[in-house]
């Protein structure tokens, strides 16, 4: 985790071998706008990261999607959380059945 203040636009830095991904997490009741994409894009440059993503419990504005696409920033919304969780749950149940 980065510092609470002065984090240069990243809340987390994920490391796996030589790969570094900066993450900005937003817990909002409204849609996340392009400012979050701008901030995580800057964080990617600052931390010399290979990737950047913004995660939210809400959704994103169309401007955020457009800017993310042109800057190779991945956006994960609440809809993707549910879809990913369901997929993982099915995989777990399937592996339990085959190992039983």
C-alpha atoms as a PDB file:
ATOM      1  CA  UNK A   1       0.000   0.000   0.000  1.00  0.00           C
ATOM      2  CA  UNK A   2       1.102   3.537  -0.620  1.00  0.00           C
ATOM      3  CA  UNK A   3       0.909   6.453   1.800  1.00  0.00           C
ATOM      4  CA  UNK A   4      -2.549   7.868   2.526  1.00  0.00           C
ATOM      5  CA  UNK A   5      -1.442  11.340   1.411  1.00  0.00           C
ATOM      6  CA  UNK A   6       0.994  12.042  -1.384  1.00  0.00           C
ATOM      7  CA  UNK A   7       0.492   8.664  -3.058  1.00  0.00           C
ATOM      8  CA  UNK A   8       0.984  10.078  -6.587  1.00  0.00           C
ATOM      9  CA  UNK A   9      -2.332   8.577  -7.705  1.00  0.00           C
ATOM     10  CA  UNK A  10      -1.853   4.961  -6.603  1.00  0.00           C
ATOM     11  CA  UNK A  11      -3.403   3.251  -3.591  1.00  0.00           C
ATOM     12  CA  UNK A  12      -1.648  -0.074  -4.170  1.00  0.00           C
ATOM     13  CA  UNK A  13       1.383  -1.278  -6.044  1.00  0.00           C
ATOM     14  CA  UNK A  14       1.189  -4.929  -7.032  1.00  0.00           C
ATOM     15  CA  UNK A  15       4.475  -6.724  -7.648  1.00  0.00           C
ATOM     16  CA  UNK A  16       5.020 -10.063  -9.349  1.00  0.00           C
ATOM     17  CA  UNK A  17       8.592 -10.716 -10.374  1.00  0.00           C
ATOM     18  CA  UNK A  18       9.616  -7.831 -12.634  1.00  0.00           C
ATOM     19  CA  UNK A  19       6.003  -6.783 -13.252  1.00  0.00           C
ATOM     20  CA  UNK A  20       4.622  -3.772 -11.367  1.00  0.00           C
ATOM     21  CA  UNK A  21       0.975  -2.637 -11.521  1.00  0.00           C
ATOM     22  CA  UNK A  22      -0.388   0.515  -9.896  1.00  0.00           C
ATOM     23  CA  UNK A  23      -3.961   0.418  -8.609  1.00  0.00           C
ATOM     24  CA  UNK A  24      -6.320   3.182  -7.657  1.00  0.00           C
ATOM     25  CA  UNK A  25      -9.335   2.069  -5.602  1.00  0.00           C
ATOM     26  CA  UNK A  26     -12.459   4.241  -5.495  1.00  0.00           C
ATOM     27  CA  UNK A  27     -15.403   3.553  -3.215  1.00  0.00           C
ATOM     28  CA  UNK A  28     -18.084   5.905  -4.552  1.00  0.00           C
ATOM     29  CA  UNK A  29     -21.832   6.018  -4.819  1.00  0.00           C
ATOM     30  CA  UNK A  30     -21.550   7.911  -8.138  1.00  0.00           C
ATOM     31  CA  UNK A  31     -19.751   6.952 -11.340  1.00  0.00           C
ATOM     32  CA  UNK A  32     -15.975   7.407 -11.355  1.00  0.00           C
ATOM     33  CA  UNK A  33     -14.852  10.024 -13.857  1.00  0.00           C
ATOM     34  CA  UNK A  34     -11.740  10.499 -15.958  1.00  0.00           C
ATOM     35  CA  UNK A  35      -9.785  12.113 -13.101  1.00  0.00           C
ATOM     36  CA  UNK A  36      -9.135   8.636 -11.649  1.00  0.00           C
ATOM     37  CA  UNK A  37      -7.722   7.487 -15.001  1.00  0.00           C
ATOM     38  CA  UNK A  38      -5.511  10.576 -15.234  1.00  0.00           C
ATOM     39  CA  UNK A  39      -4.189  10.001 -11.728  1.00  0.00           C
ATOM     40  CA  UNK A  40      -3.404   6.310 -12.158  1.00  0.00           C
ATOM     41  CA  UNK A  41      -1.784   7.047 -15.537  1.00  0.00           C
ATOM     42  CA  UNK A  42       0.526   9.530 -13.784  1.00  0.00           C
ATOM     43  CA  UNK A  43       1.189   6.990 -11.030  1.00  0.00           C
ATOM     44  CA  UNK A  44       2.202   4.416 -13.643  1.00  0.00           C
ATOM     45  CA  UNK A  45       4.883   6.813 -14.927  1.00  0.00           C
ATOM     46  CA  UNK A  46       5.992   7.859 -11.427  1.00  0.00           C
ATOM     47  CA  UNK A  47       6.378   4.311 -10.101  1.00  0.00           C
ATOM     48  CA  UNK A  48       7.723   3.012 -13.447  1.00  0.00           C
ATOM     49  CA  UNK A  49       4.951   0.443 -13.555  1.00  0.00           C
ATOM     50  CA  UNK A  50       4.070  -1.925 -16.395  1.00  0.00           C
ATOM     51  CA  UNK A  51       0.334  -1.549 -15.919  1.00  0.00           C
ATOM     52  CA  UNK A  52      -2.394   0.498 -14.294  1.00  0.00           C
ATOM     53  CA  UNK A  53      -5.932  -0.164 -13.165  1.00  0.00           C
ATOM     54  CA  UNK A  54      -8.776   1.593 -11.428  1.00  0.00           C
ATOM     55  CA  UNK A  55     -11.160  -0.449  -9.283  1.00  0.00           C
ATOM     56  CA  UNK A  56     -14.510   0.777  -8.008  1.00  0.00           C
ATOM     57  CA  UNK A  57     -17.629  -0.483  -6.292  1.00  0.00           C
ATOM     58  CA  UNK A  58     -19.566   1.729  -8.725  1.00  0.00           C
ATOM     59  CA  UNK A  59     -19.252   2.279 -12.489  1.00  0.00           C
ATOM     60  CA  UNK A  60     -17.297   4.617 -14.775  1.00  0.00           C
ATOM     61  CA  UNK A  61     -18.308   7.536 -16.964  1.00  0.00           C
ATOM     62  CA  UNK A  62     -18.017   7.201 -20.737  1.00  0.00           C
ATOM     63  CA  UNK A  63     -15.139   9.715 -20.644  1.00  0.00           C
ATOM     64  CA  UNK A  64     -13.279   7.508 -18.172  1.00  0.00           C
ATOM     65  CA  UNK A  65     -13.709   4.494 -20.474  1.00  0.00           C
ATOM     66  CA  UNK A  66     -12.513   6.490 -23.479  1.00  0.00           C
ATOM     67  CA  UNK A  67      -9.415   7.843 -21.720  1.00  0.00           C
ATOM     68  CA  UNK A  68      -8.596   4.459 -20.183  1.00  0.00           C
ATOM     69  CA  UNK A  69      -8.694   2.805 -23.589  1.00  0.00           C
ATOM     70  CA  UNK A  70      -6.282   5.296 -25.165  1.00  0.00           C
ATOM     71  CA  UNK A  71      -3.910   5.063 -22.169  1.00  0.00           C
ATOM     72  CA  UNK A  72      -3.966   1.284 -21.600  1.00  0.00           C
ATOM     73  CA  UNK A  73      -5.573   1.592 -18.168  1.00  0.00           C
ATOM     74  CA  UNK A  74      -7.811  -1.283 -17.097  1.00  0.00           C
ATOM     75  CA  UNK A  75     -11.099  -0.374 -15.406  1.00  0.00           C
ATOM     76  CA  UNK A  76     -12.825  -2.819 -13.062  1.00  0.00           C
ATOM     77  CA  UNK A  77     -16.357  -1.907 -12.002  1.00  0.00           C
ATOM     78  CA  UNK A  78     -18.847  -3.521  -9.654  1.00  0.00           C
ATOM     79  CA  UNK A  79     -20.273  -5.479 -12.594  1.00  0.00           C
ATOM     80  CA  UNK A  80     -16.921  -7.166 -13.198  1.00  0.00           C
ATOM     81  CA  UNK A  81     -16.538  -8.053  -9.512  1.00  0.00           C
ATOM     82  CA  UNK A  82     -19.770 -10.031  -9.599  1.00  0.00           C
ATOM     83  CA  UNK A  83     -18.887 -11.740 -12.865  1.00  0.00           C
ATOM     84  CA  UNK A  84     -15.371 -12.660 -11.683  1.00  0.00           C
ATOM     85  CA  UNK A  85     -16.646 -13.893  -8.317  1.00  0.00           C
ATOM     86  CA  UNK A  86     -19.251 -16.096  -9.997  1.00  0.00           C
ATOM     87  CA  UNK A  87     -16.637 -17.572 -12.336  1.00  0.00           C
ATOM     88  CA  UNK A  88     -14.250 -18.273  -9.472  1.00  0.00           C
ATOM     89  CA  UNK A  89     -17.020 -19.813  -7.387  1.00  0.00           C
ATOM     90  CA  UNK A  90     -17.976 -22.162 -10.238  1.00  0.00           C
ATOM     91  CA  UNK A  91     -14.321 -23.194 -10.660  1.00  0.00           C
ATOM     92  CA  UNK A  92     -14.020 -23.923  -6.943  1.00  0.00           C
ATOM     93  CA  UNK A  93     -17.211 -25.974  -6.873  1.00  0.00           C
ATOM     94  CA  UNK A  94     -16.110 -27.883  -9.960  1.00  0.00           C
ATOM     95  CA  UNK A  95     -12.707 -28.719  -8.482  1.00  0.00           C
ATOM     96  CA  UNK A  96     -14.303 -29.881  -5.218  1.00  0.00           C
ATOM     97  CA  UNK A  97     -16.577 -32.263  -7.141  1.00  0.00           C
ATOM     98  CA  UNK A  98     -13.700 -33.773  -9.102  1.00  0.00           C
ATOM     99  CA  UNK A  99     -11.480 -34.154  -6.045  1.00  0.00           C
ATOM    100  CA  UNK A 100     -14.205 -35.795  -3.939  1.00  0.00           C
END
